[in-house]
Amino acid sequence: MRITLVGSRHFGVTTFNMLRQHGVKIIRVVVADAEDRLATAARAAEIEVTIQGDPRLVVAREIAEGTDLIVTAHSHARIAEEALATAKLGGIGYHPSLLPRHRGIAAVEWTIREGDPMADRMDAGAIAAQEWVFVKKGETARELWERALAPLGQKLLGEVIDYAKIHKTLPAKPQDEQFATLAPKLSE
């Protein structure tokens, strides 16, 4: 399986490493910032790095030719429809809320604020895998991310990749739109 990885930061790097451990070939890494640690890790592994023209949108020319699957890991960019169409299986990404609740950029913060359990519209696609965790009283978004959400995301992404390698398709359960909520950026 040939993957284009779109992402950034620590979660992007841990996803990069997890994908390599799952025996897939990362053929390109797409980042918004040339100095991001994911770009550095990809260059060190001699994997092609492409810098997004628009940090909010990944377009078709930024996806490597011959991509089977696009994986996003800590990316705030929307993957354009024509970009998804270039990959045989489309794309998957880890979203840290229990979708369809809290679609958007501040999902963890809104989950804490609302007291929820965890697990061409952003975050509205089918769900490939989903689990939840409890939020501890007084826990910050960063603490929740580091304690539970990032490790859970790695586990779920790995399971979906393994499924796709065997079945040549992605598991997919549609979201129930009647429960969808938006998690816009917090202004605090």
N, C-alpha and C. Protein backbone atom coordinates (compact mmCIF):
# COMPACT_ATOMS: atom_id res chain seq x y z
N MET A 1 0.84 -1.18 0.00
CA MET A 1 0.00 0.00 0.00
C MET A 1 0.88 1.24 0.00
N ARG A 2 0.54 2.19 -0.87
CA ARG A 2 1.30 3.43 -1.03
C ARG A 2 0.48 4.59 -0.45
N ILE A 3 1.12 5.34 0.45
CA ILE A 3 0.41 6.37 1.21
C ILE A 3 1.04 7.74 1.02
N THR A 4 0.17 8.76 0.87
CA THR A 4 0.58 10.14 1.02
C THR A 4 0.10 10.56 2.41
N LEU A 5 1.02 11.03 3.23
CA LEU A 5 0.72 11.45 4.60
C LEU A 5 0.67 12.97 4.65
N VAL A 6 -0.44 13.51 5.13
CA VAL A 6 -0.63 14.95 5.29
C VAL A 6 -0.70 15.22 6.78
N GLY A 7 0.18 16.09 7.29
CA GLY A 7 0.12 16.31 8.73
C GLY A 7 1.13 17.29 9.25
N SER A 8 1.33 17.21 10.57
CA SER A 8 2.26 18.11 11.23
C SER A 8 2.54 17.63 12.64
N ARG A 9 3.52 18.24 13.23
CA ARG A 9 3.86 18.15 14.64
C ARG A 9 4.12 16.73 15.13
N HIS A 10 4.00 16.59 16.44
CA HIS A 10 4.30 15.31 17.09
C HIS A 10 3.40 14.17 16.58
N PHE A 11 2.09 14.43 16.48
CA PHE A 11 1.18 13.38 16.03
C PHE A 11 1.48 12.98 14.59
N GLY A 12 1.88 13.93 13.77
CA GLY A 12 2.28 13.61 12.40
C GLY A 12 3.48 12.68 12.38
N VAL A 13 4.48 12.97 13.23
CA VAL A 13 5.68 12.14 13.28
C VAL A 13 5.36 10.75 13.84
N THR A 14 4.56 10.68 14.90
CA THR A 14 4.23 9.35 15.46
C THR A 14 3.40 8.54 14.47
N THR A 15 2.55 9.21 13.70
CA THR A 15 1.79 8.50 12.67
C THR A 15 2.73 8.04 11.56
N PHE A 16 3.66 8.88 11.16
CA PHE A 16 4.69 8.52 10.17
C PHE A 16 5.41 7.24 10.61
N ASN A 17 5.85 7.21 11.86
CA ASN A 17 6.56 6.03 12.38
C ASN A 17 5.66 4.80 12.45
N MET A 18 4.40 4.99 12.89
CA MET A 18 3.46 3.88 12.98
C MET A 18 3.18 3.29 11.60
N LEU A 19 3.00 4.14 10.60
CA LEU A 19 2.73 3.66 9.25
C LEU A 19 3.90 2.82 8.73
N ARG A 20 5.09 3.28 8.98
CA ARG A 20 6.27 2.53 8.54
C ARG A 20 6.35 1.16 9.24
N GLN A 21 5.93 1.10 10.51
CA GLN A 21 5.91 -0.17 11.23
C GLN A 21 4.83 -1.12 10.71
N HIS A 22 3.79 -0.57 10.10
CA HIS A 22 2.71 -1.38 9.55
C HIS A 22 3.00 -1.84 8.12
N GLY A 23 4.20 -1.61 7.65
CA GLY A 23 4.62 -2.15 6.37
C GLY A 23 4.02 -1.50 5.15
N VAL A 24 3.65 -0.23 5.26
CA VAL A 24 3.16 0.49 4.09
C VAL A 24 4.29 1.37 3.56
N LYS A 25 4.16 1.82 2.34
CA LYS A 25 5.17 2.68 1.74
C LYS A 25 4.64 4.11 1.72
N ILE A 26 5.29 4.99 2.45
CA ILE A 26 4.95 6.41 2.43
C ILE A 26 5.69 7.01 1.25
N ILE A 27 4.95 7.46 0.24
CA ILE A 27 5.60 7.97 -0.97
C ILE A 27 5.72 9.48 -0.98
N ARG A 28 4.96 10.16 -0.13
CA ARG A 28 5.09 11.61 -0.03
C ARG A 28 4.52 12.05 1.32
N VAL A 29 5.12 13.09 1.87
CA VAL A 29 4.61 13.77 3.06
C VAL A 29 4.25 15.18 2.65
N VAL A 30 3.05 15.63 3.02
CA VAL A 30 2.57 16.97 2.70
C VAL A 30 2.42 17.73 4.01
N VAL A 31 3.07 18.90 4.09
CA VAL A 31 3.03 19.71 5.29
C VAL A 31 2.73 21.17 4.93
N ALA A 32 2.25 21.92 5.90
CA ALA A 32 2.00 23.35 5.68
C ALA A 32 3.26 24.18 5.90
N ASP A 33 4.20 23.66 6.71
CA ASP A 33 5.40 24.40 7.09
C ASP A 33 6.64 23.56 6.78
N ALA A 34 7.53 24.08 5.98
CA ALA A 34 8.74 23.35 5.58
C ALA A 34 9.63 22.98 6.75
N GLU A 35 9.52 23.69 7.87
CA GLU A 35 10.35 23.42 9.04
C GLU A 35 9.66 22.54 10.07
N ASP A 36 8.46 22.05 9.77
CA ASP A 36 7.73 21.19 10.70
C ASP A 36 8.52 19.92 10.98
N ARG A 37 8.36 19.38 12.18
CA ARG A 37 9.12 18.17 12.55
C ARG A 37 8.74 16.97 11.69
N LEU A 38 7.52 16.92 11.15
CA LEU A 38 7.16 15.84 10.23
C LEU A 38 7.97 15.94 8.94
N ALA A 39 8.14 17.15 8.43
CA ALA A 39 8.95 17.35 7.23
C ALA A 39 10.39 16.92 7.48
N THR A 40 10.92 17.25 8.64
CA THR A 40 12.28 16.87 9.01
C THR A 40 12.43 15.35 9.07
N ALA A 41 11.45 14.67 9.68
CA ALA A 41 11.50 13.20 9.78
C ALA A 41 11.43 12.56 8.40
N ALA A 42 10.58 13.09 7.53
CA ALA A 42 10.45 12.54 6.18
C ALA A 42 11.74 12.72 5.38
N ARG A 43 12.31 13.90 5.46
CA ARG A 43 13.57 14.14 4.75
C ARG A 43 14.67 13.20 5.25
N ALA A 44 14.73 12.99 6.57
CA ALA A 44 15.74 12.09 7.14
C ALA A 44 15.57 10.66 6.63
N ALA A 45 14.32 10.28 6.33
CA ALA A 45 14.03 8.94 5.80
C ALA A 45 14.06 8.92 4.27
N GLU A 46 14.47 10.05 3.68
CA GLU A 46 14.56 10.19 2.22
C GLU A 46 13.22 9.99 1.52
N ILE A 47 12.18 10.56 2.15
CA ILE A 47 10.83 10.55 1.57
C ILE A 47 10.52 11.96 1.10
N GLU A 48 9.95 12.05 -0.08
CA GLU A 48 9.62 13.34 -0.69
C GLU A 48 8.69 14.16 0.21
N VAL A 49 8.97 15.45 0.32
CA VAL A 49 8.16 16.38 1.10
C VAL A 49 7.62 17.45 0.16
N THR A 50 6.32 17.71 0.25
CA THR A 50 5.67 18.77 -0.51
C THR A 50 5.07 19.77 0.48
N ILE A 51 5.29 21.05 0.22
CA ILE A 51 4.74 22.11 1.06
C ILE A 51 3.43 22.58 0.44
N GLN A 52 2.38 22.61 1.23
CA GLN A 52 1.07 23.02 0.74
C GLN A 52 1.10 24.47 0.24
N GLY A 53 0.45 24.71 -0.86
CA GLY A 53 0.30 26.06 -1.37
C GLY A 53 -0.63 26.88 -0.50
N ASP A 54 -1.63 26.23 0.07
CA ASP A 54 -2.61 26.87 0.95
C ASP A 54 -2.70 26.01 2.20
N PRO A 55 -2.37 26.53 3.37
CA PRO A 55 -2.37 25.71 4.59
C PRO A 55 -3.75 25.19 5.00
N ARG A 56 -4.81 25.69 4.37
CA ARG A 56 -6.16 25.23 4.69
C ARG A 56 -6.71 24.23 3.71
N LEU A 57 -5.96 23.93 2.63
CA LEU A 57 -6.49 23.07 1.58
C LEU A 57 -5.36 22.26 0.93
N VAL A 58 -5.58 20.96 0.79
CA VAL A 58 -4.66 20.10 0.06
C VAL A 58 -5.30 19.82 -1.29
N VAL A 59 -4.56 20.13 -2.36
CA VAL A 59 -5.09 19.97 -3.72
C VAL A 59 -4.46 18.76 -4.39
N ALA A 60 -5.03 18.36 -5.52
CA ALA A 60 -4.64 17.13 -6.21
C ALA A 60 -3.16 17.08 -6.55
N ARG A 61 -2.58 18.17 -7.01
CA ARG A 61 -1.16 18.14 -7.42
C ARG A 61 -0.23 17.89 -6.23
N GLU A 62 -0.72 18.06 -5.01
CA GLU A 62 0.11 17.83 -3.82
C GLU A 62 0.10 16.37 -3.37
N ILE A 63 -0.79 15.57 -3.95
CA ILE A 63 -0.87 14.14 -3.63
C ILE A 63 0.02 13.39 -4.63
N ALA A 64 0.84 12.47 -4.12
CA ALA A 64 1.77 11.74 -4.99
C ALA A 64 1.02 10.85 -5.97
N GLU A 65 1.54 10.78 -7.19
CA GLU A 65 0.98 9.89 -8.20
C GLU A 65 1.13 8.45 -7.70
N GLY A 66 0.10 7.64 -7.89
CA GLY A 66 0.13 6.25 -7.46
C GLY A 66 -0.26 6.04 -6.01
N THR A 67 -0.82 7.07 -5.37
CA THR A 67 -1.25 6.95 -3.97
C THR A 67 -2.47 6.03 -3.87
N ASP A 68 -2.38 5.07 -2.95
CA ASP A 68 -3.54 4.22 -2.65
C ASP A 68 -4.43 4.87 -1.61
N LEU A 69 -3.81 5.52 -0.62
CA LEU A 69 -4.56 6.08 0.50
C LEU A 69 -3.89 7.35 1.00
N ILE A 70 -4.70 8.38 1.26
CA ILE A 70 -4.24 9.60 1.89
C ILE A 70 -4.55 9.47 3.38
N VAL A 71 -3.55 9.71 4.22
CA VAL A 71 -3.73 9.67 5.67
C VAL A 71 -3.42 11.06 6.21
N THR A 72 -4.32 11.60 7.03
CA THR A 72 -4.05 12.88 7.67
C THR A 72 -3.79 12.66 9.16
N ALA A 73 -2.80 13.39 9.67
CA ALA A 73 -2.43 13.28 11.08
C ALA A 73 -2.01 14.66 11.59
N HIS A 74 -2.89 15.28 12.33
CA HIS A 74 -2.74 16.63 12.85
C HIS A 74 -2.61 17.63 11.69
N SER A 75 -3.63 17.59 10.86
CA SER A 75 -3.71 18.54 9.76
C SER A 75 -5.02 19.31 9.91
N HIS A 76 -4.94 20.61 9.77
CA HIS A 76 -6.15 21.44 9.82
C HIS A 76 -6.61 21.81 8.42
N ALA A 77 -6.03 21.15 7.43
CA ALA A 77 -6.39 21.40 6.04
C ALA A 77 -7.47 20.45 5.59
N ARG A 78 -8.36 20.96 4.75
CA ARG A 78 -9.36 20.12 4.11
C ARG A 78 -8.70 19.50 2.88
N ILE A 79 -9.01 18.24 2.62
CA ILE A 79 -8.51 17.56 1.42
C ILE A 79 -9.55 17.78 0.33
N ALA A 80 -9.17 18.46 -0.74
CA ALA A 80 -10.09 18.76 -1.83
C ALA A 80 -10.62 17.47 -2.46
N GLU A 81 -11.84 17.53 -2.97
CA GLU A 81 -12.45 16.36 -3.61
C GLU A 81 -11.58 15.79 -4.72
N GLU A 82 -10.99 16.67 -5.54
CA GLU A 82 -10.15 16.19 -6.64
C GLU A 82 -8.88 15.53 -6.11
N ALA A 83 -8.41 15.96 -4.94
CA ALA A 83 -7.24 15.31 -4.32
C ALA A 83 -7.63 13.92 -3.83
N LEU A 84 -8.78 13.81 -3.18
CA LEU A 84 -9.26 12.49 -2.72
C LEU A 84 -9.44 11.54 -3.89
N ALA A 85 -9.91 12.06 -5.00
CA ALA A 85 -10.16 11.23 -6.18
C ALA A 85 -8.88 10.65 -6.78
N THR A 86 -7.72 11.24 -6.46
CA THR A 86 -6.47 10.72 -7.01
C THR A 86 -6.00 9.46 -6.30
N ALA A 87 -6.50 9.21 -5.09
CA ALA A 87 -6.10 8.04 -4.30
C ALA A 87 -7.11 6.91 -4.48
N LYS A 88 -6.63 5.71 -4.74
CA LYS A 88 -7.51 4.57 -5.00
C LYS A 88 -8.56 4.37 -3.91
N LEU A 89 -8.15 4.50 -2.63
CA LEU A 89 -9.06 4.26 -1.52
C LEU A 89 -9.58 5.55 -0.89
N GLY A 90 -9.17 6.69 -1.41
CA GLY A 90 -9.59 7.97 -0.83
C GLY A 90 -8.68 8.36 0.32
N GLY A 91 -9.27 8.80 1.42
CA GLY A 91 -8.46 9.27 2.53
C GLY A 91 -9.09 8.97 3.87
N ILE A 92 -8.23 8.93 4.89
CA ILE A 92 -8.69 8.78 6.27
C ILE A 92 -7.91 9.75 7.14
N GLY A 93 -8.49 10.10 8.26
CA GLY A 93 -7.81 10.96 9.22
C GLY A 93 -8.35 10.68 10.59
N TYR A 94 -7.55 10.99 11.58
CA TYR A 94 -7.96 10.81 12.96
C TYR A 94 -8.58 12.11 13.47
N HIS A 95 -9.80 12.03 13.99
CA HIS A 95 -10.45 13.18 14.60
C HIS A 95 -10.67 12.85 16.07
N PRO A 96 -10.23 13.72 16.99
CA PRO A 96 -10.22 13.36 18.40
C PRO A 96 -11.54 13.49 19.16
N SER A 97 -12.64 13.74 18.48
CA SER A 97 -13.92 13.73 19.19
C SER A 97 -14.75 12.56 18.68
N LEU A 98 -15.82 12.27 19.39
CA LEU A 98 -16.69 11.16 19.03
C LEU A 98 -17.67 11.68 17.97
N LEU A 99 -17.20 11.69 16.71
CA LEU A 99 -18.02 12.22 15.62
C LEU A 99 -19.38 11.52 15.58
N PRO A 100 -20.43 12.26 15.25
CA PRO A 100 -20.44 13.56 14.59
C PRO A 100 -20.36 14.76 15.54
N ARG A 101 -20.19 14.57 16.84
CA ARG A 101 -20.08 15.70 17.76
C ARG A 101 -18.75 16.43 17.53
N HIS A 102 -18.80 17.71 17.62
CA HIS A 102 -17.63 18.59 17.64
C HIS A 102 -16.75 18.50 16.41
N ARG A 103 -17.37 18.58 15.25
CA ARG A 103 -16.60 18.69 14.02
C ARG A 103 -15.88 20.03 14.04
N GLY A 104 -14.62 20.04 13.67
CA GLY A 104 -13.90 21.30 13.58
C GLY A 104 -12.57 21.29 14.30
N ILE A 105 -11.99 22.46 14.41
CA ILE A 105 -10.61 22.62 14.85
C ILE A 105 -10.42 22.49 16.36
N ALA A 106 -11.43 22.78 17.16
CA ALA A 106 -11.27 22.78 18.62
C ALA A 106 -12.07 21.64 19.25
N ALA A 107 -12.01 20.46 18.65
CA ALA A 107 -12.82 19.33 19.11
C ALA A 107 -12.53 18.93 20.55
N VAL A 108 -11.27 18.87 20.92
CA VAL A 108 -10.93 18.44 22.29
C VAL A 108 -11.39 19.48 23.30
N GLU A 109 -11.16 20.75 23.01
CA GLU A 109 -11.57 21.81 23.91
C GLU A 109 -13.09 21.83 24.11
N TRP A 110 -13.84 21.64 23.01
CA TRP A 110 -15.30 21.64 23.11
C TRP A 110 -15.80 20.39 23.83
N THR A 111 -15.12 19.28 23.67
CA THR A 111 -15.50 18.06 24.39
C THR A 111 -15.38 18.29 25.89
N ILE A 112 -14.30 18.91 26.31
CA ILE A 112 -14.12 19.20 27.74
C ILE A 112 -15.16 20.21 28.21
N ARG A 113 -15.36 21.27 27.43
CA ARG A 113 -16.32 22.30 27.80
C ARG A 113 -17.74 21.73 27.94
N GLU A 114 -18.11 20.81 27.05
CA GLU A 114 -19.45 20.23 27.05
C GLU A 114 -19.57 18.99 27.95
N GLY A 115 -18.43 18.47 28.43
CA GLY A 115 -18.45 17.30 29.30
C GLY A 115 -18.78 16.01 28.58
N ASP A 116 -18.43 15.91 27.30
CA ASP A 116 -18.74 14.73 26.49
C ASP A 116 -17.72 13.61 26.70
N PRO A 117 -18.14 12.36 26.40
CA PRO A 117 -17.13 11.31 26.25
C PRO A 117 -16.46 11.47 24.90
N MET A 118 -15.26 10.88 24.69
CA MET A 118 -14.53 11.07 23.43
C MET A 118 -14.50 9.82 22.55
N ALA A 119 -13.95 9.83 21.59
CA ALA A 119 -13.43 8.91 20.57
C ALA A 119 -13.18 9.68 19.18
N ASP A 120 -17.99 17.97 1.05
CA ASP A 120 -16.95 18.95 1.00
C ASP A 120 -17.05 19.76 2.26
N ARG A 121 -17.62 18.99 3.47
CA ARG A 121 -17.68 19.49 4.82
C ARG A 121 -16.61 18.79 5.61
N MET A 122 -15.90 19.52 6.41
CA MET A 122 -14.82 18.98 7.20
C MET A 122 -15.39 18.06 8.28
N ASP A 123 -14.73 16.92 8.48
CA ASP A 123 -15.05 15.96 9.53
C ASP A 123 -16.43 15.31 9.36
N ALA A 124 -16.97 15.30 8.15
CA ALA A 124 -18.31 14.77 7.93
C ALA A 124 -18.31 13.45 7.18
N GLY A 125 -17.16 12.90 6.88
CA GLY A 125 -17.09 11.65 6.12
C GLY A 125 -17.47 10.44 6.95
N ALA A 126 -17.44 9.30 6.32
CA ALA A 126 -17.77 8.05 7.01
C ALA A 126 -16.73 7.76 8.09
N ILE A 127 -17.12 7.03 9.11
CA ILE A 127 -16.24 6.67 10.21
C ILE A 127 -15.67 5.28 9.95
N ALA A 128 -14.35 5.18 9.93
CA ALA A 128 -13.68 3.90 9.68
C ALA A 128 -13.50 3.10 10.96
N ALA A 129 -13.27 3.77 12.06
CA ALA A 129 -13.11 3.13 13.37
C ALA A 129 -13.37 4.19 14.43
N GLN A 130 -13.91 3.75 15.57
CA GLN A 130 -14.25 4.73 16.60
C GLN A 130 -14.25 4.06 17.97
N GLU A 131 -13.66 4.74 18.93
CA GLU A 131 -13.68 4.34 20.33
C GLU A 131 -13.81 5.61 21.15
N TRP A 132 -14.01 5.48 22.44
CA TRP A 132 -14.13 6.64 23.30
C TRP A 132 -13.32 6.43 24.57
N VAL A 133 -13.04 7.54 25.25
CA VAL A 133 -12.36 7.53 26.54
C VAL A 133 -13.08 8.50 27.46
N PHE A 134 -12.89 8.30 28.76
CA PHE A 134 -13.42 9.25 29.73
C PHE A 134 -12.51 10.47 29.82
N VAL A 135 -13.11 11.62 30.09
CA VAL A 135 -12.36 12.83 30.36
C VAL A 135 -12.29 12.98 31.87
N LYS A 136 -11.07 13.06 32.41
CA LYS A 136 -10.91 13.21 33.85
C LYS A 136 -11.31 14.62 34.29
N LYS A 137 -11.90 14.73 35.47
CA LYS A 137 -12.27 16.04 36.00
C LYS A 137 -11.04 16.92 36.09
N GLY A 138 -11.15 18.14 35.59
CA GLY A 138 -10.06 19.10 35.66
C GLY A 138 -8.98 18.92 34.60
N GLU A 139 -9.13 17.92 33.74
CA GLU A 139 -8.12 17.65 32.72
C GLU A 139 -8.15 18.72 31.64
N THR A 140 -6.98 19.15 31.20
CA THR A 140 -6.91 20.12 30.10
C THR A 140 -6.95 19.38 28.77
N ALA A 141 -7.16 20.14 27.70
CA ALA A 141 -7.17 19.54 26.36
C ALA A 141 -5.83 18.87 26.06
N ARG A 142 -4.75 19.53 26.40
CA ARG A 142 -3.42 18.96 26.15
C ARG A 142 -3.21 17.67 26.96
N GLU A 143 -3.60 17.69 28.22
CA GLU A 143 -3.45 16.49 29.07
C GLU A 143 -4.26 15.33 28.51
N LEU A 144 -5.50 15.60 28.08
CA LEU A 144 -6.35 14.57 27.50
C LEU A 144 -5.72 14.04 26.21
N TRP A 145 -5.23 14.93 25.38
CA TRP A 145 -4.60 14.52 24.12
C TRP A 145 -3.41 13.60 24.39
N GLU A 146 -2.52 14.02 25.29
CA GLU A 146 -1.31 13.24 25.56
C GLU A 146 -1.60 11.93 26.27
N ARG A 147 -2.52 11.95 27.24
CA ARG A 147 -2.83 10.75 28.02
C ARG A 147 -3.57 9.70 27.20
N ALA A 148 -4.57 10.12 26.45
CA ALA A 148 -5.48 9.15 25.86
C ALA A 148 -5.70 9.28 24.36
N LEU A 149 -5.89 10.49 23.86
CA LEU A 149 -6.34 10.64 22.48
C LEU A 149 -5.27 10.32 21.44
N ALA A 150 -4.05 10.80 21.64
CA ALA A 150 -2.99 10.49 20.66
C ALA A 150 -2.71 8.99 20.61
N PRO A 151 -2.54 8.30 21.76
CA PRO A 151 -2.33 6.85 21.68
C PRO A 151 -3.52 6.11 21.05
N LEU A 152 -4.73 6.54 21.35
CA LEU A 152 -5.91 5.91 20.76
C LEU A 152 -5.94 6.13 19.25
N GLY A 153 -5.58 7.33 18.82
CA GLY A 153 -5.54 7.63 17.38
C GLY A 153 -4.55 6.74 16.65
N GLN A 154 -3.38 6.54 17.23
CA GLN A 154 -2.38 5.65 16.62
C GLN A 154 -2.92 4.23 16.50
N LYS A 155 -3.56 3.75 17.55
CA LYS A 155 -4.12 2.40 17.54
C LYS A 155 -5.18 2.26 16.45
N LEU A 156 -6.11 3.21 16.39
CA LEU A 156 -7.20 3.12 15.42
C LEU A 156 -6.69 3.25 13.99
N LEU A 157 -5.79 4.20 13.74
CA LEU A 157 -5.24 4.35 12.39
C LEU A 157 -4.52 3.07 11.96
N GLY A 158 -3.77 2.46 12.87
CA GLY A 158 -3.08 1.20 12.56
C GLY A 158 -4.06 0.10 12.20
N GLU A 159 -5.15 -0.01 12.94
CA GLU A 159 -6.16 -1.04 12.65
C GLU A 159 -6.80 -0.82 11.29
N VAL A 160 -7.10 0.43 10.96
CA VAL A 160 -7.73 0.74 9.67
C VAL A 160 -6.76 0.46 8.52
N ILE A 161 -5.49 0.82 8.69
CA ILE A 161 -4.48 0.53 7.67
C ILE A 161 -4.36 -0.97 7.44
N ASP A 162 -4.30 -1.74 8.53
CA ASP A 162 -4.21 -3.20 8.39
C ASP A 162 -5.44 -3.77 7.67
N TYR A 163 -6.62 -3.26 8.00
CA TYR A 163 -7.85 -3.69 7.34
C TYR A 163 -7.78 -3.38 5.84
N ALA A 164 -7.35 -2.15 5.51
CA ALA A 164 -7.29 -1.74 4.10
C ALA A 164 -6.29 -2.57 3.31
N LYS A 165 -5.18 -2.94 3.93
CA LYS A 165 -4.18 -3.76 3.24
C LYS A 165 -4.77 -5.13 2.88
N ILE A 166 -5.56 -5.69 3.77
CA ILE A 166 -6.14 -7.02 3.54
C ILE A 166 -7.32 -6.96 2.57
N HIS A 167 -8.23 -6.01 2.80
CA HIS A 167 -9.51 -5.96 2.08
C HIS A 167 -9.51 -5.05 0.86
N LYS A 168 -8.45 -4.24 0.68
CA LYS A 168 -8.36 -3.28 -0.43
C LYS A 168 -9.52 -2.30 -0.45
N THR A 169 -10.05 -2.01 0.71
CA THR A 169 -11.10 -1.03 0.90
C THR A 169 -11.02 -0.53 2.33
N LEU A 170 -11.76 0.51 2.64
CA LEU A 170 -11.79 1.05 4.00
C LEU A 170 -13.11 0.67 4.68
N PRO A 171 -13.07 0.35 5.97
CA PRO A 171 -14.33 0.20 6.68
C PRO A 171 -15.01 1.56 6.71
N ALA A 172 -16.32 1.61 6.64
CA ALA A 172 -16.99 2.91 6.58
C ALA A 172 -18.41 2.83 7.15
N LYS A 173 -18.66 3.63 8.16
CA LYS A 173 -20.00 3.76 8.74
C LYS A 173 -20.39 5.23 8.64
N PRO A 174 -21.51 5.54 7.96
CA PRO A 174 -21.91 6.95 7.82
C PRO A 174 -22.20 7.58 9.18
N GLN A 175 -21.92 8.88 9.29
CA GLN A 175 -22.26 9.62 10.51
C GLN A 175 -23.75 9.92 10.51
N ASP A 176 -24.34 9.94 11.69
CA ASP A 176 -25.75 10.30 11.84
C ASP A 176 -25.84 11.82 11.98
N GLU A 177 -26.25 12.48 10.92
CA GLU A 177 -26.27 13.94 10.85
C GLU A 177 -27.11 14.60 11.93
N GLN A 178 -28.11 13.91 12.46
CA GLN A 178 -28.96 14.54 13.46
C GLN A 178 -28.21 14.85 14.77
N PHE A 179 -27.05 14.23 14.96
CA PHE A 179 -26.26 14.45 16.17
C PHE A 179 -25.05 15.34 15.94
N ALA A 180 -24.88 15.86 14.74
CA ALA A 180 -23.69 16.67 14.42
C ALA A 180 -23.71 18.01 15.14
N THR A 181 -22.54 18.39 15.65
CA THR A 181 -22.34 19.71 16.24
C THR A 181 -21.04 20.28 15.69
N LEU A 182 -20.86 21.58 15.81
CA LEU A 182 -19.66 22.25 15.31
C LEU A 182 -18.76 22.64 16.47
N ALA A 183 -17.46 22.49 16.30
CA ALA A 183 -16.48 22.90 17.30
C ALA A 183 -15.58 23.97 16.70
N PRO A 184 -16.07 25.21 16.58
CA PRO A 184 -15.24 26.28 16.01
C PRO A 184 -14.10 26.63 16.94
N LYS A 185 -13.10 27.30 16.39
CA LYS A 185 -11.93 27.73 17.16
C LYS A 185 -12.40 28.55 18.36
N LEU A 186 -11.83 28.27 19.52
CA LEU A 186 -12.16 29.03 20.73
C LEU A 186 -11.43 30.37 20.68
N SER A 187 -12.11 31.43 21.09
CA SER A 187 -11.51 32.75 21.03
C SER A 187 -10.86 33.16 22.34
N GLU A 188 -10.88 32.28 23.33
CA GLU A 188 -10.29 32.61 24.64
C GLU A 188 -8.80 32.53 24.63
